[in-house]
Amino acid sequence: MEKLSKYRKIIQLVLLPYTEIPYSHGDLICKPIFDEIHDSYLLMTLGWDRKTRVHGCLVHLDIINGKIWVQRDETEDGVTHELVAAGIPPSDIVLGFHPADVRPYTGYAIA
């Protein structure tokens, strides 16, 4: 349980600064959606870019069976490195956006 609490806090500390970065175009915001009950953490991009509605997922992380699953990461450098720098071992991070047969070559957990 202590490990889960630690991971929840680290995820939030890593993701929240992204909500403060202004977009260079459009009337857009980055909204955090953190669900600690279901251990799902998202950053959503919302707003308008000229006449186009923008509603998309920038980052999606889940905690599944004690590991952090990176389901989506559209940040420039990737949040995975930040998670590791904050103290989460690569063996507890799964790059869920990669097919299962590719994961053994990523340096992170397989599942």
Protein backbone atom coordinates (compact mmCIF):
# COMPACT_ATOMS: atom_id res chain seq x y z
CA MET A 1 0.00 0.00 0.00
CA GLU A 2 2.85 2.36 0.78
CA LYS A 3 4.28 1.73 -2.69
CA LEU A 4 0.96 2.65 -4.34
CA SER A 5 0.70 5.87 -2.33
CA LYS A 6 4.25 6.77 -3.33
CA TYR A 7 3.54 6.06 -7.01
CA ARG A 8 0.32 8.10 -6.94
CA LYS A 9 2.16 11.09 -5.50
CA ILE A 10 5.03 10.81 -7.98
CA ILE A 11 2.67 10.58 -10.95
CA GLN A 12 0.86 13.70 -9.85
CA LEU A 13 4.11 15.59 -9.19
CA VAL A 14 5.39 14.65 -12.65
CA LEU A 15 2.17 15.46 -14.52
CA LEU A 16 1.00 18.67 -12.84
CA PRO A 17 3.77 20.93 -14.23
CA TYR A 18 2.53 20.14 -17.76
CA THR A 19 -0.74 21.90 -16.91
CA GLU A 20 1.20 25.16 -16.42
CA ILE A 21 2.84 25.18 -19.86
CA PRO A 22 1.00 27.60 -22.12
CA TYR A 23 0.11 26.52 -25.63
CA SER A 24 1.69 28.57 -28.41
CA HIS A 25 -1.51 28.72 -30.45
CA GLY A 26 -5.24 28.54 -29.98
CA ASP A 27 -7.24 28.90 -26.81
CA LEU A 28 -6.13 25.62 -25.25
CA ILE A 29 -5.63 24.31 -21.74
CA CYS A 30 -4.13 21.15 -20.31
CA LYS A 31 -6.48 19.68 -17.72
CA PRO A 32 -5.40 17.03 -15.19
CA ILE A 33 -7.83 14.20 -14.52
CA PHE A 34 -6.63 12.09 -11.60
CA ASP A 35 -8.69 9.12 -10.38
CA GLU A 36 -6.99 7.60 -7.34
CA ILE A 37 -9.80 5.10 -6.80
CA HIS A 38 -9.25 3.45 -10.19
CA ASP A 39 -5.58 4.56 -10.45
CA SER A 40 -5.97 6.32 -13.77
CA TYR A 41 -4.18 9.61 -14.49
CA LEU A 42 -4.75 11.70 -17.60
CA LEU A 43 -3.77 15.04 -19.04
CA MET A 44 -6.36 16.27 -21.49
CA THR A 45 -5.89 19.06 -24.02
CA LEU A 46 -9.10 21.08 -24.32
CA GLY A 47 -10.23 24.19 -26.13
CA TRP A 48 -10.32 25.75 -29.55
CA ASP A 49 -7.66 26.20 -32.21
CA ARG A 50 -9.25 28.80 -34.47
CA LYS A 51 -12.51 27.14 -35.54
CA THR A 52 -11.44 23.62 -34.62
CA ARG A 53 -12.48 22.03 -31.34
CA VAL A 54 -9.60 20.29 -29.57
CA HIS A 55 -10.31 17.49 -27.12
CA GLY A 56 -7.57 14.93 -26.80
CA CYS A 57 -5.49 12.91 -24.42
CA LEU A 58 -1.91 14.13 -24.00
CA VAL A 59 -0.86 11.61 -21.33
CA HIS A 60 -2.59 8.55 -19.88
CA LEU A 61 -1.05 6.54 -17.05
CA ASP A 62 -2.63 3.69 -15.09
CA ILE A 63 -1.40 1.78 -12.07
CA ILE A 64 -2.15 -1.89 -12.73
CA ASN A 65 -0.96 -4.66 -10.40
CA GLY A 66 1.58 -2.34 -8.77
CA LYS A 67 3.13 -1.15 -12.03
CA ILE A 68 2.72 2.10 -13.89
CA TRP A 69 1.37 1.54 -17.38
CA VAL A 70 2.13 4.35 -19.83
CA GLN A 71 -0.89 4.01 -22.11
CA ARG A 72 -0.27 7.23 -24.06
CA ASP A 73 2.46 9.85 -23.97
CA GLU A 74 2.37 12.66 -26.49
CA THR A 75 4.77 14.94 -24.60
CA GLU A 76 7.88 16.12 -26.39
CA ASP A 77 10.43 14.20 -24.31
CA GLY A 78 8.20 11.61 -22.64
CA VAL A 79 7.20 11.41 -18.99
CA THR A 80 8.79 7.97 -18.49
CA HIS A 81 12.24 9.46 -17.90
CA GLU A 82 10.75 11.83 -15.34
CA LEU A 83 9.06 8.95 -13.52
CA VAL A 84 12.40 7.12 -13.28
CA ALA A 85 14.20 10.28 -12.13
CA ALA A 86 11.54 10.68 -9.42
CA GLY A 87 12.31 7.22 -8.03
CA ILE A 88 10.18 4.70 -9.91
CA PRO A 89 12.33 1.80 -11.14
CA PRO A 90 12.08 0.90 -14.85
CA SER A 91 11.04 -2.60 -13.74
CA ASP A 92 7.77 -1.04 -12.46
CA ILE A 93 6.98 0.86 -15.67
CA VAL A 94 5.24 -0.76 -18.64
CA LEU A 95 5.17 1.01 -21.99
CA GLY A 96 1.63 -0.06 -22.78
CA PHE A 97 1.62 1.80 -26.08
CA HIS A 98 4.14 -0.73 -27.42
CA PRO A 99 2.97 -4.18 -28.56
CA ALA A 100 3.78 -6.99 -26.11
CA ASP A 101 6.42 -8.46 -28.45
CA VAL A 102 8.32 -5.14 -28.50
CA ARG A 103 8.31 -4.49 -24.73
CA PRO A 104 11.22 -6.87 -23.90
CA TYR A 105 13.53 -4.56 -25.88
CA THR A 106 12.48 -1.27 -24.23
CA GLY A 107 14.42 -1.51 -20.99
CA TYR A 108 11.19 -1.36 -19.03
CA ALA A 109 8.79 -3.97 -17.65
CA ILE A 110 7.03 -6.36 -20.02
CA ALA A 111 3.75 -6.39 -18.07
